[in-house]
Amino acid sequence: MASFKYFIFVLLLAGIAIETEGGRIVGGQPAPIEKYPSMVQVNALSILNTWVESCGANILTTRYILSAAHCFSGFLYAPSRRRIRAGTAVQHVGGVVVYIDREFVHPTWGRLGHDGDIAVVRLRGSLVYSPVIQQATIVSQGFKIPDNVAVVNAGWGAIRHYDVSSEILLDTTVYTVNNEECAEIYRNGPRPTQDIVTDNMICVNVPGGGNGTCQGDSGGPLYYGQIVVGIVSWAERCANETFPGVNTAVSSYTDWIVQTAV
C-alpha cells in the first residue's frame, strides 16, 4: 500500500494565523519550487500537437498525484494526452516529465454542479524525491477549516481573466469565506442552477478582490500552513470582488484518496 502523509488539525490551529472558470494566479508573487515541492504542472497535448499548460496537481506518492476531476474528464483530457512536469517553478523548462497512466475521477463528479471535483491520477513512471520533488501532506477526513483564516493558492495559471498562463510559479494569500454565505452569493449569481456551493467545497477571497486563482490553476493546491486542504476547482471569473474562488475540500475525500492511490 502507498505511504501517505495526512494531518489531524486539532493541534495545528494554534500555530497558524488565523464567471465559472477553472482556476495563472491573479495578484500573486513569484515562488520558488523549493517552497512548494509537492506541486507539479499538468500539460495537455493540444490539437496542434504541442504541449500546453493545463492544470496543476499535487504529489501524493512517487506514482500518484492529486488534481481536479475536470482536468481529467473527457476525450481531450484522456491519459494519452496528459503529462506532468515536476521539480521546477518554470513552465515547460527543467524538472522531470512523467506521462499519465490512468485517472481515477471521484464517482460523484458530474452529479451536482462542480461537486466531487477531485481526481487521483496514476503515473506511468515513478518520481524520485529530492529537495524540489516532495510528497504533499493532505488534511485528515472530516476536518472543517475555520472562516476568515489565511490560506494560500499557488499555480501557473493566468494573471488576468482569459490571459496567457504564467511562465513561473506564483502564489497568493487569500482568506476562507463562510460556506453558507458563499452558497448564498452564488445562488444570486448568473448561473444559480450550475454554480452550487456544497459542504464539500472551501470558498476563499480577499476584501476588494484582486487576488486569487484563474484559468490554468485548476487542480493546484489550497494550503493551510503546509497542509493541502483544498484543490482549485471553479469561480465566477478570476479574483472577483463579489464571487469567491471555490476549492474542493480535500477533507471530504481523504479516505477515498488513500484507498484509491494504492
C-alpha atoms as a PDB file:
ATOM      1  CA  MET A   1       0.000   0.000   0.000  1.00  0.00           C
ATOM      2  CA  ALA A   2       1.166   3.536  -0.737  1.00  0.00           C
ATOM      3  CA  SER A   3       2.501   5.652   2.097  1.00  0.00           C
ATOM      4  CA  PHE A   4       0.663   8.909   2.787  1.00  0.00           C
ATOM      5  CA  LYS A   5       1.102  11.965   4.936  1.00  0.00           C
ATOM      6  CA  TYR A   6      -2.128  13.407   6.227  1.00  0.00           C
ATOM      7  CA  PHE A   7      -2.615  15.608   9.247  1.00  0.00           C
ATOM      8  CA  ILE A   8      -5.180  15.980  12.018  1.00  0.00           C
ATOM      9  CA  PHE A   9      -5.601  19.715  12.588  1.00  0.00           C
ATOM     10  CA  VAL A  10      -6.563  19.852  16.275  1.00  0.00           C
ATOM     11  CA  LEU A  11      -3.046  20.913  17.286  1.00  0.00           C
ATOM     12  CA  LEU A  12      -2.291  22.959  14.183  1.00  0.00           C
ATOM     13  CA  LEU A  13      -4.858  25.691  14.740  1.00  0.00           C
ATOM     14  CA  ALA A  14      -2.826  27.423  17.435  1.00  0.00           C
ATOM     15  CA  GLY A  15       0.192  27.705  15.173  1.00  0.00           C
ATOM     16  CA  ILE A  16      -1.317  29.401  12.108  1.00  0.00           C
ATOM     17  CA  ALA A  17      -2.634  32.956  11.800  1.00  0.00           C
ATOM     18  CA  ILE A  18      -5.914  32.834  11.775  1.00  0.00           C
ATOM     19  CA  GLU A  19     -17.881  33.541 -14.466  1.00  0.00           C
ATOM     20  CA  THR A  20     -17.323  29.880 -13.856  1.00  0.00           C
ATOM     21  CA  GLU A  21     -13.716  29.150 -14.646  1.00  0.00           C
ATOM     22  CA  GLY A  22     -11.101  26.681 -13.699  1.00  0.00           C
ATOM     23  CA  GLY A  23      -8.724  28.109 -11.518  1.00  0.00           C
ATOM     24  CA  ARG A  24      -2.422  31.853 -13.662  1.00  0.00           C
ATOM     25  CA  ILE A  25      -2.716  33.235 -10.090  1.00  0.00           C
ATOM     26  CA  VAL A  26      -4.065  36.812 -10.020  1.00  0.00           C
ATOM     27  CA  GLY A  27      -2.292  39.318  -7.765  1.00  0.00           C
ATOM     28  CA  GLY A  28       0.425  36.811  -6.889  1.00  0.00           C
ATOM     29  CA  GLN A  29       4.178  36.854  -6.497  1.00  0.00           C
ATOM     30  CA  PRO A  30       6.901  34.523  -7.798  1.00  0.00           C
ATOM     31  CA  ALA A  31       7.504  31.444  -5.678  1.00  0.00           C
ATOM     32  CA  PRO A  32      10.473  29.046  -5.867  1.00  0.00           C
ATOM     33  CA  ILE A  33       9.634  25.371  -6.316  1.00  0.00           C
ATOM     34  CA  GLU A  34      11.524  24.679  -3.073  1.00  0.00           C
ATOM     35  CA  LYS A  35       8.650  26.449  -1.308  1.00  0.00           C
ATOM     36  CA  TYR A  36       6.072  24.117  -2.879  1.00  0.00           C
ATOM     37  CA  PRO A  37       7.974  20.952  -3.886  1.00  0.00           C
ATOM     38  CA  SER A  38       4.794  18.862  -3.920  1.00  0.00           C
ATOM     39  CA  MET A  39       3.346  20.909  -6.809  1.00  0.00           C
ATOM     40  CA  VAL A  40       3.538  19.736 -10.419  1.00  0.00           C
ATOM     41  CA  GLN A  41       2.438  21.148 -13.760  1.00  0.00           C
ATOM     42  CA  VAL A  42      -0.161  19.238 -15.769  1.00  0.00           C
ATOM     43  CA  ASN A  43       0.428  19.589 -19.522  1.00  0.00           C
ATOM     44  CA  ALA A  44      -2.103  18.823 -22.257  1.00  0.00           C
ATOM     45  CA  LEU A  45      -1.441  17.825 -25.846  1.00  0.00           C
ATOM     46  CA  SER A  46      -3.242  20.454 -27.930  1.00  0.00           C
ATOM     47  CA  ILE A  47      -4.967  19.941 -31.281  1.00  0.00           C
ATOM     48  CA  LEU A  48      -1.830  21.499 -32.818  1.00  0.00           C
ATOM     49  CA  ASN A  49       0.139  18.614 -31.289  1.00  0.00           C
ATOM     50  CA  THR A  50       2.015  20.883 -28.884  1.00  0.00           C
ATOM     51  CA  TRP A  51       2.169  20.604 -25.115  1.00  0.00           C
ATOM     52  CA  VAL A  52       0.439  23.445 -23.253  1.00  0.00           C
ATOM     53  CA  GLU A  53      -0.112  24.233 -19.582  1.00  0.00           C
ATOM     54  CA  SER A  54      -3.457  22.829 -18.494  1.00  0.00           C
ATOM     55  CA  CYS A  55      -3.759  22.449 -14.737  1.00  0.00           C
ATOM     56  CA  GLY A  56      -1.820  21.937 -11.543  1.00  0.00           C
ATOM     57  CA  ALA A  57      -1.553  18.885  -9.304  1.00  0.00           C
ATOM     58  CA  ASN A  58      -0.101  17.674  -6.025  1.00  0.00           C
ATOM     59  CA  ILE A  59       2.231  14.739  -5.380  1.00  0.00           C
ATOM     60  CA  LEU A  60       0.672  12.014  -3.227  1.00  0.00           C
ATOM     61  CA  THR A  61       3.350   9.345  -3.716  1.00  0.00           C
ATOM     62  CA  THR A  62       6.033   8.633  -6.300  1.00  0.00           C
ATOM     63  CA  ARG A  63       3.341   7.115  -8.564  1.00  0.00           C
ATOM     64  CA  TYR A  64       0.197   9.129  -7.753  1.00  0.00           C
ATOM     65  CA  ILE A  65      -0.853  12.761  -7.907  1.00  0.00           C
ATOM     66  CA  LEU A  66      -3.981  14.619  -6.777  1.00  0.00           C
ATOM     67  CA  SER A  67      -5.802  17.091  -9.033  1.00  0.00           C
ATOM     68  CA  ALA A  68      -9.267  18.280 -10.095  1.00  0.00           C
ATOM     69  CA  ALA A  69     -11.674  15.907 -11.841  1.00  0.00           C
ATOM     70  CA  HIS A  70     -12.453  18.423 -14.585  1.00  0.00           C
ATOM     71  CA  CYS A  71      -8.760  18.402 -15.547  1.00  0.00           C
ATOM     72  CA  PHE A  72      -9.052  14.715 -16.461  1.00  0.00           C
ATOM     73  CA  SER A  73     -12.603  14.300 -17.777  1.00  0.00           C
ATOM     74  CA  GLY A  74     -13.476  13.771 -21.449  1.00  0.00           C
ATOM     75  CA  PHE A  75     -11.632  12.797 -24.638  1.00  0.00           C
ATOM     76  CA  LEU A  76      -9.335  15.826 -24.775  1.00  0.00           C
ATOM     77  CA  TYR A  77      -8.290  15.003 -21.220  1.00  0.00           C
ATOM     78  CA  ALA A  78      -7.514  11.350 -21.879  1.00  0.00           C
ATOM     79  CA  PRO A  79      -4.347   9.964 -20.218  1.00  0.00           C
ATOM     80  CA  SER A  80      -2.601   9.713 -23.596  1.00  0.00           C
ATOM     81  CA  ARG A  81      -2.934  13.490 -23.918  1.00  0.00           C
ATOM     82  CA  ARG A  82      -1.642  14.329 -20.441  1.00  0.00           C
ATOM     83  CA  ARG A  83       1.748  14.506 -18.742  1.00  0.00           C
ATOM     84  CA  ILE A  84       3.203  16.197 -15.675  1.00  0.00           C
ATOM     85  CA  ARG A  85       6.376  18.184 -15.069  1.00  0.00           C
ATOM     86  CA  ALA A  86       7.766  18.103 -11.533  1.00  0.00           C
ATOM     87  CA  GLY A  87      10.666  19.794  -9.788  1.00  0.00           C
ATOM     88  CA  THR A  88      10.632  23.204 -11.481  1.00  0.00           C
ATOM     89  CA  ALA A  89       8.960  26.579 -10.976  1.00  0.00           C
ATOM     90  CA  VAL A  90       9.343  27.463 -14.668  1.00  0.00           C
ATOM     91  CA  GLN A  91       6.665  26.382 -17.108  1.00  0.00           C
ATOM     92  CA  HIS A  92       7.883  23.791 -19.665  1.00  0.00           C
ATOM     93  CA  VAL A  93      11.515  24.152 -18.522  1.00  0.00           C
ATOM     94  CA  GLY A  94      13.616  21.890 -16.315  1.00  0.00           C
ATOM     95  CA  GLY A  95      12.492  19.319 -13.820  1.00  0.00           C
ATOM     96  CA  VAL A  96      11.330  15.872 -14.901  1.00  0.00           C
ATOM     97  CA  VAL A  97       8.494  14.851 -17.212  1.00  0.00           C
ATOM     98  CA  VAL A  98       6.334  11.816 -16.482  1.00  0.00           C
ATOM     99  CA  TYR A  99       3.358  10.668 -18.572  1.00  0.00           C
ATOM    100  CA  ILE A 100      -0.070   9.699 -17.254  1.00  0.00           C
ATOM    101  CA  ASP A 101      -1.155   6.087 -16.988  1.00  0.00           C
ATOM    102  CA  ARG A 102      -4.709   6.348 -15.636  1.00  0.00           C
ATOM    103  CA  GLU A 103      -7.031   8.773 -13.901  1.00  0.00           C
ATOM    104  CA  PHE A 104      -9.495   7.939 -11.125  1.00  0.00           C
ATOM    105  CA  VAL A 105     -12.222  10.598 -11.053  1.00  0.00           C
ATOM    106  CA  HIS A 106     -14.384  10.694  -7.932  1.00  0.00           C
ATOM    107  CA  PRO A 107     -17.655   8.828  -8.590  1.00  0.00           C
ATOM    108  CA  THR A 108     -19.822  11.802  -7.559  1.00  0.00           C
ATOM    109  CA  TRP A 109     -18.264  14.129 -10.153  1.00  0.00           C
ATOM    110  CA  GLY A 110     -20.877  15.407 -12.614  1.00  0.00           C
ATOM    111  CA  ARG A 111     -23.920  14.670 -10.474  1.00  0.00           C
ATOM    112  CA  LEU A 112     -24.365  18.103  -8.847  1.00  0.00           C
ATOM    113  CA  GLY A 113     -22.674  21.093 -10.448  1.00  0.00           C
ATOM    114  CA  HIS A 114     -18.981  21.096  -9.512  1.00  0.00           C
ATOM    115  CA  ASP A 115     -19.343  18.749  -6.529  1.00  0.00           C
ATOM    116  CA  GLY A 116     -16.836  15.885  -6.411  1.00  0.00           C
ATOM    117  CA  ASP A 117     -14.282  17.801  -8.490  1.00  0.00           C
ATOM    118  CA  ILE A 118     -11.290  15.719  -7.437  1.00  0.00           C
ATOM    119  CA  ALA A 119      -9.178  13.037  -9.108  1.00  0.00           C
ATOM    120  CA  VAL A 120      -6.354  10.689  -8.178  1.00  0.00           C
ATOM    121  CA  VAL A 121      -4.020  10.152 -11.140  1.00  0.00           C
ATOM    122  CA  ARG A 122      -1.535   7.310 -11.617  1.00  0.00           C
ATOM    123  CA  LEU A 123       1.739   7.995 -13.401  1.00  0.00           C
ATOM    124  CA  ARG A 124       3.398   5.663 -15.911  1.00  0.00           C
ATOM    125  CA  GLY A 125       6.753   6.009 -14.174  1.00  0.00           C
ATOM    126  CA  SER A 126       7.916   6.899 -10.693  1.00  0.00           C
ATOM    127  CA  LEU A 127       9.067  10.245  -9.389  1.00  0.00           C
ATOM    128  CA  VAL A 128      12.279  10.409  -7.362  1.00  0.00           C
ATOM    129  CA  TYR A 129      12.065  12.547  -4.251  1.00  0.00           C
ATOM    130  CA  SER A 130      14.541  15.421  -3.931  1.00  0.00           C
ATOM    131  CA  PRO A 131      14.573  18.926  -2.415  1.00  0.00           C
ATOM    132  CA  VAL A 132      12.305  20.061  -5.288  1.00  0.00           C
ATOM    133  CA  ILE A 133      10.101  16.950  -5.557  1.00  0.00           C
ATOM    134  CA  GLN A 134       8.318  16.027  -2.357  1.00  0.00           C
ATOM    135  CA  GLN A 135       5.160  14.332  -1.172  1.00  0.00           C
ATOM    136  CA  ALA A 136       2.275  16.604  -0.178  1.00  0.00           C
ATOM    137  CA  THR A 137       0.658  16.365   3.238  1.00  0.00           C
ATOM    138  CA  ILE A 138      -3.125  16.240   2.952  1.00  0.00           C
ATOM    139  CA  VAL A 139      -5.725  17.059   5.582  1.00  0.00           C
ATOM    140  CA  SER A 140      -7.486  14.359   7.580  1.00  0.00           C
ATOM    141  CA  GLN A 141     -11.005  13.178   6.753  1.00  0.00           C
ATOM    142  CA  GLY A 142     -13.765  15.408   8.113  1.00  0.00           C
ATOM    143  CA  PHE A 143     -11.715  18.439   9.143  1.00  0.00           C
ATOM    144  CA  LYS A 144     -13.608  21.731   8.789  1.00  0.00           C
ATOM    145  CA  ILE A 145     -11.425  24.768   8.190  1.00  0.00           C
ATOM    146  CA  PRO A 146     -12.471  27.893  10.149  1.00  0.00           C
ATOM    147  CA  ASP A 147     -13.801  31.030   8.476  1.00  0.00           C
ATOM    148  CA  ASN A 148     -11.572  34.062   7.835  1.00  0.00           C
ATOM    149  CA  VAL A 149      -8.217  32.311   8.132  1.00  0.00           C
ATOM    150  CA  ALA A 150      -5.276  32.909   5.817  1.00  0.00           C
ATOM    151  CA  VAL A 151      -4.680  30.224   3.191  1.00  0.00           C
ATOM    152  CA  VAL A 152      -2.532  30.153   0.045  1.00  0.00           C
ATOM    153  CA  ASN A 153      -3.227  29.327  -3.587  1.00  0.00           C
ATOM    154  CA  ALA A 154      -0.327  28.634  -5.972  1.00  0.00           C
ATOM    155  CA  GLY A 155      -0.106  27.828  -9.668  1.00  0.00           C
ATOM    156  CA  TRP A 156       0.902  28.643 -13.224  1.00  0.00           C
ATOM    157  CA  GLY A 157      -2.491  29.938 -14.362  1.00  0.00           C
ATOM    158  CA  ALA A 158      -3.455  33.265 -15.969  1.00  0.00           C
ATOM    159  CA  ILE A 159      -2.746  36.557 -14.183  1.00  0.00           C
ATOM    160  CA  ARG A 160      -5.925  38.053 -15.676  1.00  0.00           C
ATOM    161  CA  HIS A 161      -9.188  36.604 -16.911  1.00  0.00           C
ATOM    162  CA  TYR A 162      -8.522  34.663 -20.131  1.00  0.00           C
ATOM    163  CA  ASP A 163      -4.930  35.948 -20.361  1.00  0.00           C
ATOM    164  CA  VAL A 164      -1.898  33.765 -21.086  1.00  0.00           C
ATOM    165  CA  SER A 165      -0.614  31.452 -18.385  1.00  0.00           C
ATOM    166  CA  SER A 166       2.281  32.437 -16.153  1.00  0.00           C
ATOM    167  CA  GLU A 167       5.785  31.344 -17.139  1.00  0.00           C
ATOM    168  CA  ILE A 168       6.721  30.948 -13.466  1.00  0.00           C
ATOM    169  CA  LEU A 169       5.050  29.610 -10.357  1.00  0.00           C
ATOM    170  CA  LEU A 170       3.075  32.254  -8.432  1.00  0.00           C
ATOM    171  CA  ASP A 171       1.367  32.227  -5.059  1.00  0.00           C
ATOM    172  CA  THR A 172      -1.077  34.483  -3.244  1.00  0.00           C
ATOM    173  CA  THR A 173      -2.688  34.671   0.189  1.00  0.00           C
ATOM    174  CA  VAL A 174      -6.477  34.597   0.383  1.00  0.00           C
ATOM    175  CA  TYR A 175      -8.968  34.082   3.233  1.00  0.00           C
ATOM    176  CA  THR A 176     -11.606  31.456   3.843  1.00  0.00           C
ATOM    177  CA  VAL A 177     -15.245  32.505   3.447  1.00  0.00           C
ATOM    178  CA  ASN A 178     -18.166  31.124   5.411  1.00  0.00           C
ATOM    179  CA  ASN A 179     -19.628  28.299   3.337  1.00  0.00           C
ATOM    180  CA  GLU A 180     -23.266  29.312   3.782  1.00  0.00           C
ATOM    181  CA  GLU A 181     -22.504  32.922   2.846  1.00  0.00           C
ATOM    182  CA  CYS A 182     -20.613  31.721  -0.212  1.00  0.00           C
ATOM    183  CA  ALA A 183     -23.515  29.480  -1.232  1.00  0.00           C
ATOM    184  CA  GLU A 184     -25.937  32.401  -0.930  1.00  0.00           C
ATOM    185  CA  ILE A 185     -23.717  34.622  -3.101  1.00  0.00           C
ATOM    186  CA  TYR A 186     -23.714  32.027  -5.872  1.00  0.00           C
ATOM    187  CA  ARG A 187     -27.452  31.373  -5.541  1.00  0.00           C
ATOM    188  CA  ASN A 188     -27.892  35.002  -6.587  1.00  0.00           C
ATOM    189  CA  GLY A 189     -25.274  34.727  -9.341  1.00  0.00           C
ATOM    190  CA  PRO A 190     -25.667  34.401 -13.123  1.00  0.00           C
ATOM    191  CA  ARG A 191     -25.797  30.563 -13.081  1.00  0.00           C
ATOM    192  CA  PRO A 192     -27.534  29.539  -9.832  1.00  0.00           C
ATOM    193  CA  THR A 193     -28.502  26.059 -11.070  1.00  0.00           C
ATOM    194  CA  GLN A 194     -24.921  25.261 -12.087  1.00  0.00           C
ATOM    195  CA  ASP A 195     -22.772  27.117  -9.541  1.00  0.00           C
ATOM    196  CA  ILE A 196     -23.900  25.257  -6.436  1.00  0.00           C
ATOM    197  CA  VAL A 197     -21.703  25.536  -3.338  1.00  0.00           C
ATOM    198  CA  THR A 198     -21.822  22.357  -1.243  1.00  0.00           C
ATOM    199  CA  ASP A 199     -20.304  21.271   2.064  1.00  0.00           C
ATOM    200  CA  ASN A 200     -17.560  19.587   0.022  1.00  0.00           C
ATOM    201  CA  MET A 201     -16.105  22.953  -1.005  1.00  0.00           C
ATOM    202  CA  ILE A 202     -13.965  25.730   0.518  1.00  0.00           C
ATOM    203  CA  CYS A 203     -14.601  29.313  -0.617  1.00  0.00           C
ATOM    204  CA  VAL A 204     -11.844  31.944  -0.492  1.00  0.00           C
ATOM    205  CA  ASN A 205     -11.326  35.594  -1.409  1.00  0.00           C
ATOM    206  CA  VAL A 206      -9.735  38.870  -0.283  1.00  0.00           C
ATOM    207  CA  PRO A 207     -11.604  42.101   0.517  1.00  0.00           C
ATOM    208  CA  GLY A 208     -11.952  44.085  -2.689  1.00  0.00           C
ATOM    209  CA  GLY A 209     -10.836  41.190  -4.888  1.00  0.00           C
ATOM    210  CA  GLY A 210      -7.681  41.282  -6.996  1.00  0.00           C
ATOM    211  CA  ASN A 211      -6.084  38.101  -5.606  1.00  0.00           C
ATOM    212  CA  GLY A 212      -6.978  34.545  -6.447  1.00  0.00           C
ATOM    213  CA  THR A 213      -6.921  31.754  -8.982  1.00  0.00           C
ATOM    214  CA  CYS A 214      -7.588  31.887 -12.709  1.00  0.00           C
ATOM    215  CA  GLN A 215      -7.649  29.647 -15.793  1.00  0.00           C
ATOM    216  CA  GLY A 216      -4.865  27.063 -15.570  1.00  0.00           C
ATOM    217  CA  ASP A 217      -4.705  26.964 -11.757  1.00  0.00           C
ATOM    218  CA  SER A 218      -7.319  24.195 -11.525  1.00  0.00           C
ATOM    219  CA  GLY A 219      -6.156  21.108  -9.703  1.00  0.00           C
ATOM    220  CA  GLY A 220      -3.500  23.026  -7.785  1.00  0.00           C
ATOM    221  CA  PRO A 221      -3.384  23.309  -4.009  1.00  0.00           C
ATOM    222  CA  LEU A 222      -5.038  25.408  -1.370  1.00  0.00           C
ATOM    223  CA  TYR A 223      -2.573  25.398   1.528  1.00  0.00           C
ATOM    224  CA  TYR A 224      -3.352  25.915   5.211  1.00  0.00           C
ATOM    225  CA  GLY A 225       0.155  26.214   6.546  1.00  0.00           C
ATOM    226  CA  GLN A 226       1.974  23.400   4.768  1.00  0.00           C
ATOM    227  CA  ILE A 227      -1.108  21.197   4.516  1.00  0.00           C
ATOM    228  CA  VAL A 228      -3.151  20.746   1.318  1.00  0.00           C
ATOM    229  CA  VAL A 229      -6.736  21.385   2.404  1.00  0.00           C
ATOM    230  CA  GLY A 230      -8.233  22.229  -0.993  1.00  0.00           C
ATOM    231  CA  ILE A 231      -7.977  21.659  -4.733  1.00  0.00           C
ATOM    232  CA  VAL A 232      -8.635  24.630  -7.040  1.00  0.00           C
ATOM    233  CA  SER A 233     -11.981  23.968  -8.697  1.00  0.00           C
ATOM    234  CA  TRP A 234     -14.047  26.905 -10.008  1.00  0.00           C
ATOM    235  CA  ALA A 235     -15.103  30.555  -9.645  1.00  0.00           C
ATOM    236  CA  GLU A 236     -17.029  33.336 -11.337  1.00  0.00           C
ATOM    237  CA  ARG A 237     -14.283  34.974 -13.402  1.00  0.00           C
ATOM    238  CA  CYS A 238     -10.858  35.463 -11.743  1.00  0.00           C
ATOM    239  CA  ALA A 239     -10.186  37.058  -8.336  1.00  0.00           C
ATOM    240  CA  ASN A 240     -13.646  38.619  -8.468  1.00  0.00           C
ATOM    241  CA  GLU A 241     -14.601  41.114  -5.746  1.00  0.00           C
ATOM    242  CA  THR A 242     -18.087  39.673  -5.311  1.00  0.00           C
ATOM    243  CA  PHE A 243     -17.758  35.962  -6.066  1.00  0.00           C
ATOM    244  CA  PRO A 244     -15.279  33.896  -4.018  1.00  0.00           C
ATOM    245  CA  GLY A 245     -12.984  31.332  -5.579  1.00  0.00           C
ATOM    246  CA  VAL A 246     -14.117  27.793  -4.827  1.00  0.00           C
ATOM    247  CA  ASN A 247     -11.875  24.846  -3.966  1.00  0.00           C
ATOM    248  CA  THR A 248     -12.755  21.191  -3.479  1.00  0.00           C
ATOM    249  CA  ALA A 249     -12.428  20.391   0.226  1.00  0.00           C
ATOM    250  CA  VAL A 250      -9.877  17.579   0.429  1.00  0.00           C
ATOM    251  CA  SER A 251     -11.144  16.532   3.879  1.00  0.00           C
ATOM    252  CA  SER A 252     -14.399  15.326   2.307  1.00  0.00           C
ATOM    253  CA  TYR A 253     -12.412  12.828   0.232  1.00  0.00           C
ATOM    254  CA  THR A 254      -9.290  11.893   2.233  1.00  0.00           C
ATOM    255  CA  ASP A 255     -10.384   8.319   2.882  1.00  0.00           C
ATOM    256  CA  TRP A 256     -11.224   7.835  -0.811  1.00  0.00           C
ATOM    257  CA  ILE A 257      -7.840   9.311  -1.828  1.00  0.00           C
ATOM    258  CA  VAL A 258      -5.959   6.928   0.436  1.00  0.00           C
ATOM    259  CA  GLN A 259      -7.982   3.919  -0.763  1.00  0.00           C
ATOM    260  CA  THR A 260      -7.527   4.862  -4.424  1.00  0.00           C
ATOM    261  CA  ALA A 261      -3.824   5.669  -4.530  1.00  0.00           C
ATOM    262  CA  VAL A 262      -2.557   2.175  -3.742  1.00  0.00           C
END
